[in-house]
Full PDB file with SEQRES, HELIX, SHEET, SSBOND, CRYST1, ORIGX, SCALE, CONECT and MASTER records, all heavy atoms in Angstrom:
SEQRES   1 A   35  THR ALA SER THR CYS PHE GLU LYS LEU ARG LEU PRO ARG          
SEQRES   2 A   35  HIS TYR THR THR TYR LYS ALA PHE GLN GLN ASP LEU CYS          
SEQRES   3 A   35  ALA CYS ILE SER THR SER TYR SER GLY                          
HELIX    1 AA1 THR A    4  PHE A    6  5                                   3    
HELIX    2 AA2 TYR A   18  ILE A   29  1                                  12    
SHEET    1 AA1 2 ALA A   2  SER A   3  0                                        
SHEET    2 AA1 2 LYS A   8  LEU A   9 -1                                        
CRYST1    1.000    1.000    1.000  90.00  90.00  90.00 P 1           1          
ORIGX1      1.000000  0.000000  0.000000        0.00000                         
ORIGX2      0.000000  1.000000  0.000000        0.00000                         
ORIGX3      0.000000  0.000000  1.000000        0.00000                         
SCALE1      1.000000  0.000000  0.000000        0.00000                         
SCALE2      0.000000  1.000000  0.000000        0.00000                         
SCALE3      0.000000  0.000000  1.000000        0.00000                         
ATOM      1  N   THR A   1     147.557 104.031 107.571  1.00  0.00           N  
ATOM      2  CA  THR A   1     147.615 103.288 106.285  1.00  0.00           C  
ATOM      3  C   THR A   1     147.533 101.795 106.602  1.00  0.00           C  
ATOM      4  O   THR A   1     147.543 101.369 107.821  1.00  0.00           O  
ATOM      5  CB  THR A   1     148.952 103.584 105.511  1.00  0.00           C  
ATOM      6  OG1 THR A   1     150.096 103.237 106.386  1.00  0.00           O  
ATOM      7  CG2 THR A   1     149.056 105.043 105.185  1.00  0.00           C  
ATOM      8  N   ALA A   2     147.445 100.988 105.530  1.00  0.00           N  
ATOM      9  CA  ALA A   2     147.354  99.549 105.688  1.00  0.00           C  
ATOM     10  C   ALA A   2     148.085  98.769 104.634  1.00  0.00           C  
ATOM     11  O   ALA A   2     148.150  99.299 103.532  1.00  0.00           O  
ATOM     12  CB  ALA A   2     145.855  99.147 105.714  1.00  0.00           C  
ATOM     13  N   SER A   3     148.675  97.687 105.003  1.00  0.00           N  
ATOM     14  CA  SER A   3     149.208  96.727 104.037  1.00  0.00           C  
ATOM     15  C   SER A   3     148.308  95.583 104.118  1.00  0.00           C  
ATOM     16  O   SER A   3     148.425  94.654 104.883  1.00  0.00           O  
ATOM     17  CB  SER A   3     150.677  96.311 104.467  1.00  0.00           C  
ATOM     18  OG  SER A   3     151.496  97.456 104.415  1.00  0.00           O  
ATOM     19  N   THR A   4     147.350  95.586 103.130  1.00  0.00           N  
ATOM     20  CA  THR A   4     146.329  94.569 103.156  1.00  0.00           C  
ATOM     21  C   THR A   4     146.853  93.132 102.893  1.00  0.00           C  
ATOM     22  O   THR A   4     146.369  92.249 103.497  1.00  0.00           O  
ATOM     23  CB  THR A   4     145.210  94.890 102.147  1.00  0.00           C  
ATOM     24  OG1 THR A   4     145.829  95.026 100.812  1.00  0.00           O  
ATOM     25  CG2 THR A   4     144.468  96.149 102.455  1.00  0.00           C  
ATOM     26  N   CYS A   5     147.873  93.019 102.059  1.00  0.00           N  
ATOM     27  CA  CYS A   5     148.436  91.679 101.778  1.00  0.00           C  
ATOM     28  C   CYS A   5     149.116  91.125 103.044  1.00  0.00           C  
ATOM     29  O   CYS A   5     149.129  89.856 103.169  1.00  0.00           O  
ATOM     30  CB  CYS A   5     149.421  91.778 100.639  1.00  0.00           C  
ATOM     31  SG  CYS A   5     148.745  92.265  99.050  1.00  0.00           S  
ATOM     32  N   PHE A   6     149.580  91.999 103.914  1.00  0.00           N  
ATOM     33  CA  PHE A   6     150.244  91.493 105.151  1.00  0.00           C  
ATOM     34  C   PHE A   6     149.315  91.638 106.330  1.00  0.00           C  
ATOM     35  O   PHE A   6     149.757  91.368 107.534  1.00  0.00           O  
ATOM     36  CB  PHE A   6     151.546  92.248 105.356  1.00  0.00           C  
ATOM     37  CG  PHE A   6     152.589  92.072 104.351  1.00  0.00           C  
ATOM     38  CD1 PHE A   6     152.739  93.014 103.311  1.00  0.00           C  
ATOM     39  CD2 PHE A   6     153.350  90.921 104.236  1.00  0.00           C  
ATOM     40  CE1 PHE A   6     153.681  92.871 102.329  1.00  0.00           C  
ATOM     41  CE2 PHE A   6     154.308  90.758 103.300  1.00  0.00           C  
ATOM     42  CZ  PHE A   6     154.405  91.690 102.256  1.00  0.00           C  
ATOM     43  N   GLU A   7     148.092  92.008 106.146  1.00  0.00           N  
ATOM     44  CA  GLU A   7     147.045  92.211 107.165  1.00  0.00           C  
ATOM     45  C   GLU A   7     147.554  93.023 108.353  1.00  0.00           C  
ATOM     46  O   GLU A   7     147.395  92.727 109.465  1.00  0.00           O  
ATOM     47  CB  GLU A   7     146.583  90.807 107.645  1.00  0.00           C  
ATOM     48  CG  GLU A   7     146.025  89.890 106.520  1.00  0.00           C  
ATOM     49  CD  GLU A   7     145.755  88.502 106.930  1.00  0.00           C  
ATOM     50  OE1 GLU A   7     146.284  88.149 108.047  1.00  0.00           O  
ATOM     51  OE2 GLU A   7     145.160  87.790 106.176  1.00  0.00           O  
ATOM     52  N   LYS A   8     148.171  94.186 107.917  1.00  0.00           N  
ATOM     53  CA  LYS A   8     148.794  95.075 108.915  1.00  0.00           C  
ATOM     54  C   LYS A   8     148.235  96.492 108.776  1.00  0.00           C  
ATOM     55  O   LYS A   8     148.168  97.069 107.758  1.00  0.00           O  
ATOM     56  CB  LYS A   8     150.309  95.097 108.690  1.00  0.00           C  
ATOM     57  CG  LYS A   8     151.098  95.909 109.707  1.00  0.00           C  
ATOM     58  CD  LYS A   8     152.553  95.915 109.381  1.00  0.00           C  
ATOM     59  CE  LYS A   8     153.193  94.558 109.698  1.00  0.00           C  
ATOM     60  NZ  LYS A   8     154.623  94.551 109.511  1.00  0.00           N  
ATOM     61  N   LEU A   9     147.894  97.011 109.977  1.00  0.00           N  
ATOM     62  CA  LEU A   9     147.341  98.376 110.076  1.00  0.00           C  
ATOM     63  C   LEU A   9     148.450  99.201 110.719  1.00  0.00           C  
ATOM     64  O   LEU A   9     148.929  98.975 111.847  1.00  0.00           O  
ATOM     65  CB  LEU A   9     146.065  98.450 110.955  1.00  0.00           C  
ATOM     66  CG  LEU A   9     145.478  99.829 111.189  1.00  0.00           C  
ATOM     67  CD1 LEU A   9     144.920 100.404 109.880  1.00  0.00           C  
ATOM     68  CD2 LEU A   9     144.376  99.771 112.238  1.00  0.00           C  
ATOM     69  N   ARG A  10     148.862 100.325 109.997  1.00  0.00           N  
ATOM     70  CA  ARG A  10     149.926 101.210 110.502  1.00  0.00           C  
ATOM     71  C   ARG A  10     149.275 102.454 111.026  1.00  0.00           C  
ATOM     72  O   ARG A  10     148.652 103.174 110.292  1.00  0.00           O  
ATOM     73  CB  ARG A  10     150.978 101.506 109.473  1.00  0.00           C  
ATOM     74  CG  ARG A  10     151.840 100.343 109.090  1.00  0.00           C  
ATOM     75  CD  ARG A  10     153.009 100.827 108.162  1.00  0.00           C  
ATOM     76  NE  ARG A  10     153.972  99.787 107.972  1.00  0.00           N  
ATOM     77  CZ  ARG A  10     153.881  98.900 106.985  1.00  0.00           C  
ATOM     78  NH1 ARG A  10     152.961  98.958 106.057  1.00  0.00           N  
ATOM     79  NH2 ARG A  10     154.818  97.933 106.877  1.00  0.00           N  
ATOM     80  N   LEU A  11     149.459 102.752 112.298  1.00  0.00           N  
ATOM     81  CA  LEU A  11     148.912 103.958 112.894  1.00  0.00           C  
ATOM     82  C   LEU A  11     150.029 104.899 113.356  1.00  0.00           C  
ATOM     83  O   LEU A  11     151.044 104.469 113.952  1.00  0.00           O  
ATOM     84  CB  LEU A  11     148.130 103.514 114.182  1.00  0.00           C  
ATOM     85  CG  LEU A  11     146.941 102.623 113.950  1.00  0.00           C  
ATOM     86  CD1 LEU A  11     146.355 102.232 115.235  1.00  0.00           C  
ATOM     87  CD2 LEU A  11     145.896 103.281 113.065  1.00  0.00           C  
ATOM     88  N   PRO A  12     149.882 106.174 113.009  1.00  0.00           N  
ATOM     89  CA  PRO A  12     150.962 107.174 113.409  1.00  0.00           C  
ATOM     90  C   PRO A  12     151.021 107.321 114.924  1.00  0.00           C  
ATOM     91  O   PRO A  12     150.070 107.209 115.666  1.00  0.00           O  
ATOM     92  CB  PRO A  12     150.368 108.460 112.793  1.00  0.00           C  
ATOM     93  CG  PRO A  12     149.477 108.093 111.707  1.00  0.00           C  
ATOM     94  CD  PRO A  12     148.847 106.741 112.148  1.00  0.00           C  
ATOM     95  N   ARG A  13     152.256 107.570 115.375  1.00  0.00           N  
ATOM     96  CA  ARG A  13     152.456 107.684 116.750  1.00  0.00           C  
ATOM     97  C   ARG A  13     152.278 108.995 117.361  1.00  0.00           C  
ATOM     98  O   ARG A  13     152.255 109.177 118.538  1.00  0.00           O  
ATOM     99  CB  ARG A  13     153.981 107.264 117.055  1.00  0.00           C  
ATOM    100  CG  ARG A  13     154.924 108.233 116.383  1.00  0.00           C  
ATOM    101  CD  ARG A  13     156.396 107.849 116.617  1.00  0.00           C  
ATOM    102  NE  ARG A  13     156.750 107.969 118.022  1.00  0.00           N  
ATOM    103  CZ  ARG A  13     158.032 107.914 118.457  1.00  0.00           C  
ATOM    104  NH1 ARG A  13     159.045 107.712 117.587  1.00  0.00           N  
ATOM    105  NH2 ARG A  13     158.324 108.027 119.715  1.00  0.00           N  
ATOM    106  N   HIS A  14     152.015 110.014 116.475  1.00  0.00           N  
ATOM    107  CA  HIS A  14     151.943 111.366 116.940  1.00  0.00           C  
ATOM    108  C   HIS A  14     150.685 111.801 117.604  1.00  0.00           C  
ATOM    109  O   HIS A  14     150.551 112.895 118.168  1.00  0.00           O  
ATOM    110  CB  HIS A  14     152.217 112.365 115.788  1.00  0.00           C  
ATOM    111  CG  HIS A  14     151.194 112.282 114.635  1.00  0.00           C  
ATOM    112  ND1 HIS A  14     149.918 112.821 114.779  1.00  0.00           N  
ATOM    113  CD2 HIS A  14     151.254 111.754 113.446  1.00  0.00           C  
ATOM    114  CE1 HIS A  14     149.236 112.603 113.680  1.00  0.00           C  
ATOM    115  NE2 HIS A  14     149.996 111.992 112.816  1.00  0.00           N  
ATOM    116  N   TYR A  15     149.673 110.981 117.627  1.00  0.00           N  
ATOM    117  CA  TYR A  15     148.357 111.345 118.206  1.00  0.00           C  
ATOM    118  C   TYR A  15     148.469 111.479 119.699  1.00  0.00           C  
ATOM    119  O   TYR A  15     148.983 110.568 120.380  1.00  0.00           O  
ATOM    120  CB  TYR A  15     147.294 110.307 117.824  1.00  0.00           C  
ATOM    121  CG  TYR A  15     146.982 110.297 116.376  1.00  0.00           C  
ATOM    122  CD1 TYR A  15     147.274 109.186 115.549  1.00  0.00           C  
ATOM    123  CD2 TYR A  15     146.316 111.357 115.741  1.00  0.00           C  
ATOM    124  CE1 TYR A  15     146.981 109.217 114.228  1.00  0.00           C  
ATOM    125  CE2 TYR A  15     146.047 111.328 114.464  1.00  0.00           C  
ATOM    126  CZ  TYR A  15     146.354 110.260 113.622  1.00  0.00           C  
ATOM    127  OH  TYR A  15     146.069 110.240 112.305  1.00  0.00           O  
ATOM    128  N   THR A  16     147.941 112.629 120.251  1.00  0.00           N  
ATOM    129  CA  THR A  16     147.977 112.816 121.620  1.00  0.00           C  
ATOM    130  C   THR A  16     146.492 113.014 122.172  1.00  0.00           C  
ATOM    131  O   THR A  16     146.315 113.118 123.397  1.00  0.00           O  
ATOM    132  CB  THR A  16     148.761 114.012 122.074  1.00  0.00           C  
ATOM    133  OG1 THR A  16     148.279 115.238 121.305  1.00  0.00           O  
ATOM    134  CG2 THR A  16     150.230 113.823 121.687  1.00  0.00           C  
ATOM    135  N   THR A  17     145.518 113.059 121.270  1.00  0.00           N  
ATOM    136  CA  THR A  17     144.134 113.137 121.678  1.00  0.00           C  
ATOM    137  C   THR A  17     143.305 112.107 120.870  1.00  0.00           C  
ATOM    138  O   THR A  17     143.563 111.868 119.705  1.00  0.00           O  
ATOM    139  CB  THR A  17     143.530 114.521 121.416  1.00  0.00           C  
ATOM    140  OG1 THR A  17     143.483 114.847 120.061  1.00  0.00           O  
ATOM    141  CG2 THR A  17     144.313 115.577 122.135  1.00  0.00           C  
ATOM    142  N   TYR A  18     142.323 111.526 121.532  1.00  0.00           N  
ATOM    143  CA  TYR A  18     141.467 110.558 120.901  1.00  0.00           C  
ATOM    144  C   TYR A  18     140.691 111.188 119.724  1.00  0.00           C  
ATOM    145  O   TYR A  18     140.475 110.574 118.646  1.00  0.00           O  
ATOM    146  CB  TYR A  18     140.553 109.853 121.863  1.00  0.00           C  
ATOM    147  CG  TYR A  18     139.578 108.978 121.174  1.00  0.00           C  
ATOM    148  CD1 TYR A  18     139.969 107.684 120.648  1.00  0.00           C  
ATOM    149  CD2 TYR A  18     138.214 109.323 120.980  1.00  0.00           C  
ATOM    150  CE1 TYR A  18     139.075 106.878 119.988  1.00  0.00           C  
ATOM    151  CE2 TYR A  18     137.275 108.447 120.350  1.00  0.00           C  
ATOM    152  CZ  TYR A  18     137.752 107.201 119.899  1.00  0.00           C  
ATOM    153  OH  TYR A  18     136.891 106.389 119.251  1.00  0.00           O  
ATOM    154  N   LYS A  19     140.255 112.428 119.866  1.00  0.00           N  
ATOM    155  CA  LYS A  19     139.419 113.097 118.884  1.00  0.00           C  
ATOM    156  C   LYS A  19     140.176 113.157 117.515  1.00  0.00           C  
ATOM    157  O   LYS A  19     139.638 112.938 116.458  1.00  0.00           O  
ATOM    158  CB  LYS A  19     138.963 114.532 119.371  1.00  0.00           C  
ATOM    159  CG  LYS A  19     138.083 115.203 118.389  1.00  0.00           C  
ATOM    160  CD  LYS A  19     137.655 116.548 118.967  1.00  0.00           C  
ATOM    161  CE  LYS A  19     136.667 117.208 117.961  1.00  0.00           C  
ATOM    162  NZ  LYS A  19     136.240 118.567 118.533  1.00  0.00           N  
ATOM    163  N   ALA A  20     141.428 113.622 117.599  1.00  0.00           N  
ATOM    164  CA  ALA A  20     142.228 113.724 116.326  1.00  0.00           C  
ATOM    165  C   ALA A  20     142.457 112.278 115.775  1.00  0.00           C  
ATOM    166  O   ALA A  20     142.323 112.160 114.490  1.00  0.00           O  
ATOM    167  CB  ALA A  20     143.573 114.393 116.635  1.00  0.00           C  
ATOM    168  N   PHE A  21     142.734 111.378 116.563  1.00  0.00           N  
ATOM    169  CA  PHE A  21     142.891 110.002 116.014  1.00  0.00           C  
ATOM    170  C   PHE A  21     141.622 109.505 115.380  1.00  0.00           C  
ATOM    171  O   PHE A  21     141.707 108.969 114.261  1.00  0.00           O  
ATOM    172  CB  PHE A  21     143.248 109.117 117.180  1.00  0.00           C  
ATOM    173  CG  PHE A  21     143.248 107.632 116.889  1.00  0.00           C  
ATOM    174  CD1 PHE A  21     144.451 107.033 116.322  1.00  0.00           C  
ATOM    175  CD2 PHE A  21     142.122 106.797 117.097  1.00  0.00           C  
ATOM    176  CE1 PHE A  21     144.407 105.716 115.966  1.00  0.00           C  
ATOM    177  CE2 PHE A  21     142.198 105.508 116.798  1.00  0.00           C  
ATOM    178  CZ  PHE A  21     143.300 104.917 116.217  1.00  0.00           C  
ATOM    179  N   GLN A  22     140.436 109.698 116.031  1.00  0.00           N  
ATOM    180  CA  GLN A  22     139.206 109.190 115.450  1.00  0.00           C  
ATOM    181  C   GLN A  22     138.882 109.871 114.185  1.00  0.00           C  
ATOM    182  O   GLN A  22     138.420 109.218 113.184  1.00  0.00           O  
ATOM    183  CB  GLN A  22     138.119 109.465 116.457  1.00  0.00           C  
ATOM    184  CG  GLN A  22     136.711 109.056 116.023  1.00  0.00           C  
ATOM    185  CD  GLN A  22     135.655 109.506 116.940  1.00  0.00           C  
ATOM    186  OE1 GLN A  22     135.660 110.528 117.605  1.00  0.00           O  
ATOM    187  NE2 GLN A  22     134.540 108.650 117.101  1.00  0.00           N  
ATOM    188  N   GLN A  23     139.109 111.216 114.071  1.00  0.00           N  
ATOM    189  CA  GLN A  23     138.824 111.934 112.870  1.00  0.00           C  
ATOM    190  C   GLN A  23     139.600 111.393 111.664  1.00  0.00           C  
ATOM    191  O   GLN A  23     139.142 111.205 110.593  1.00  0.00           O  
ATOM    192  CB  GLN A  23     139.048 113.428 113.073  1.00  0.00           C  
ATOM    193  CG  GLN A  23     138.046 114.130 113.918  1.00  0.00           C  
ATOM    194  CD  GLN A  23     138.316 115.631 114.143  1.00  0.00           C  
ATOM    195  OE1 GLN A  23     139.444 116.024 113.985  1.00  0.00           O  
ATOM    196  NE2 GLN A  23     137.328 116.364 114.582  1.00  0.00           N  
ATOM    197  N   ASP A  24     140.916 111.238 111.898  1.00  0.00           N  
ATOM    198  CA  ASP A  24     141.782 110.761 110.796  1.00  0.00           C  
ATOM    199  C   ASP A  24     141.502 109.312 110.444  1.00  0.00           C  
ATOM    200  O   ASP A  24     141.484 108.953 109.243  1.00  0.00           O  
ATOM    201  CB  ASP A  24     143.275 110.886 111.197  1.00  0.00           C  
ATOM    202  CG  ASP A  24     143.773 112.257 111.200  1.00  0.00           C  
ATOM    203  OD1 ASP A  24     142.997 113.145 110.710  1.00  0.00           O  
ATOM    204  OD2 ASP A  24     144.972 112.488 111.552  1.00  0.00           O  
ATOM    205  N   LEU A  25     141.253 108.444 111.447  1.00  0.00           N  
ATOM    206  CA  LEU A  25     140.920 107.036 111.099  1.00  0.00           C  
ATOM    207  C   LEU A  25     139.579 106.959 110.317  1.00  0.00           C  
ATOM    208  O   LEU A  25     139.525 106.197 109.382  1.00  0.00           O  
ATOM    209  CB  LEU A  25     140.858 106.277 112.419  1.00  0.00           C  
ATOM    210  CG  LEU A  25     140.739 104.698 112.171  1.00  0.00           C  
ATOM    211  CD1 LEU A  25     141.870 104.166 111.356  1.00  0.00           C  
ATOM    212  CD2 LEU A  25     140.620 104.023 113.591  1.00  0.00           C  
ATOM    213  N   CYS A  26     138.556 107.762 110.741  1.00  0.00           N  
ATOM    214  CA  CYS A  26     137.290 107.681 110.066  1.00  0.00           C  
ATOM    215  C   CYS A  26     137.500 108.139 108.561  1.00  0.00           C  
ATOM    216  O   CYS A  26     136.895 107.587 107.676  1.00  0.00           O  
ATOM    217  CB  CYS A  26     136.264 108.591 110.777  1.00  0.00           C  
ATOM    218  SG  CYS A  26     135.665 107.828 112.277  1.00  0.00           S  
ATOM    219  N   ALA A  27     138.323 109.238 108.421  1.00  0.00           N  
ATOM    220  CA  ALA A  27     138.513 109.713 107.055  1.00  0.00           C  
ATOM    221  C   ALA A  27     139.201 108.630 106.148  1.00  0.00           C  
ATOM    222  O   ALA A  27     138.869 108.482 105.004  1.00  0.00           O  
ATOM    223  CB  ALA A  27     139.380 110.937 107.125  1.00  0.00           C  
ATOM    224  N   CYS A  28     140.150 107.955 106.762  1.00  0.00           N  
ATOM    225  CA  CYS A  28     140.874 106.898 106.020  1.00  0.00           C  
ATOM    226  C   CYS A  28     140.014 105.655 105.714  1.00  0.00           C  
ATOM    227  O   CYS A  28     139.974 105.229 104.560  1.00  0.00           O  
ATOM    228  CB  CYS A  28     142.134 106.462 106.763  1.00  0.00           C  
ATOM    229  SG  CYS A  28     143.349 107.798 106.843  1.00  0.00           S  
ATOM    230  N   ILE A  29     139.310 105.153 106.703  1.00  0.00           N  
ATOM    231  CA  ILE A  29     138.493 103.959 106.415  1.00  0.00           C  
ATOM    232  C   ILE A  29     137.345 104.285 105.560  1.00  0.00           C  
ATOM    233  O   ILE A  29     136.750 103.356 104.939  1.00  0.00           O  
ATOM    234  CB  ILE A  29     138.012 103.278 107.714  1.00  0.00           C  
ATOM    235  CG1 ILE A  29     137.034 104.137 108.529  1.00  0.00           C  
ATOM    236  CG2 ILE A  29     139.251 102.914 108.618  1.00  0.00           C  
ATOM    237  CD1 ILE A  29     136.475 103.510 109.764  1.00  0.00           C  
ATOM    238  N   SER A  30     136.886 105.512 105.367  1.00  0.00           N  
ATOM    239  CA  SER A  30     135.840 105.763 104.445  1.00  0.00           C  
ATOM    240  C   SER A  30     136.238 105.611 103.029  1.00  0.00           C  
ATOM    241  O   SER A  30     135.390 105.618 102.124  1.00  0.00           O  
ATOM    242  CB  SER A  30     135.337 107.270 104.687  1.00  0.00           C  
ATOM    243  OG  SER A  30     136.368 108.198 104.253  1.00  0.00           O  
ATOM    244  N   THR A  31     137.592 105.418 102.701  1.00  0.00           N  
ATOM    245  CA  THR A  31     138.049 105.240 101.393  1.00  0.00           C  
ATOM    246  C   THR A  31     138.124 103.769 101.069  1.00  0.00           C  
ATOM    247  O   THR A  31     138.628 103.405  99.961  1.00  0.00           O  
ATOM    248  CB  THR A  31     139.459 105.829 101.175  1.00  0.00           C  
ATOM    249  OG1 THR A  31     140.425 105.082 101.982  1.00  0.00           O  
ATOM    250  CG2 THR A  31     139.499 107.321 101.640  1.00  0.00           C  
ATOM    251  N   SER A  32     137.651 102.868 101.925  1.00  0.00           N  
ATOM    252  CA  SER A  32     137.925 101.461 101.815  1.00  0.00           C  
ATOM    253  C   SER A  32     137.263 100.919 100.489  1.00  0.00           C  
ATOM    254  O   SER A  32     137.603  99.811 100.027  1.00  0.00           O  
ATOM    255  CB  SER A  32     137.463 100.695 103.047  1.00  0.00           C  
ATOM    256  OG  SER A  32     136.029 100.863 103.190  1.00  0.00           O  
ATOM    257  N   TYR A  33     136.147 101.516  99.939  1.00  0.00           N  
ATOM    258  CA  TYR A  33     135.518 101.077  98.791  1.00  0.00           C  
ATOM    259  C   TYR A  33     136.023 101.706  97.525  1.00  0.00           C  
ATOM    260  O   TYR A  33     135.535 101.435  96.469  1.00  0.00           O  
ATOM    261  CB  TYR A  33     133.991 101.227  98.898  1.00  0.00           C  
ATOM    262  CG  TYR A  33     133.342 100.311  99.895  1.00  0.00           C  
ATOM    263  CD1 TYR A  33     133.026 100.732 101.141  1.00  0.00           C  
ATOM    264  CD2 TYR A  33     133.129  98.971  99.515  1.00  0.00           C  
ATOM    265  CE1 TYR A  33     132.496  99.844 102.052  1.00  0.00           C  
ATOM    266  CE2 TYR A  33     132.600  98.064 100.402  1.00  0.00           C  
ATOM    267  CZ  TYR A  33     132.217  98.476 101.661  1.00  0.00           C  
ATOM    268  OH  TYR A  33     131.624  97.604 102.479  1.00  0.00           O  
ATOM    269  N   SER A  34     137.049 102.597  97.632  1.00  0.00           N  
ATOM    270  CA  SER A  34     137.601 103.226  96.494  1.00  0.00           C  
ATOM    271  C   SER A  34     139.090 103.205  96.313  1.00  0.00           C  
ATOM    272  O   SER A  34     139.589 103.663  95.318  1.00  0.00           O  
ATOM    273  CB  SER A  34     137.146 104.694  96.479  1.00  0.00           C  
ATOM    274  OG  SER A  34     137.593 105.351  97.652  1.00  0.00           O  
ATOM    275  N   GLY A  35     139.768 102.614  97.268  1.00  0.00           N  
ATOM    276  CA  GLY A  35     141.183 102.549  97.122  1.00  0.00           C  
ATOM    277  C   GLY A  35     141.806 101.757  98.265  1.00  0.00           C  
ATOM    278  O   GLY A  35     141.155 101.135  99.096  1.00  0.00           O  
TER     279      GLY A  35                                                      
MASTER        0    0    0    2    2    0    0    6  278    1    0    3          
END                                                                             
């Protein structure tokens, strides 16, 4: 998630593989033009 007003990106600590991290991050940033 992100707090845009505070210019802060919050990343979950539970990721243990890069593939899972990349998939979730790509899904989230794809919403940048709609929310």
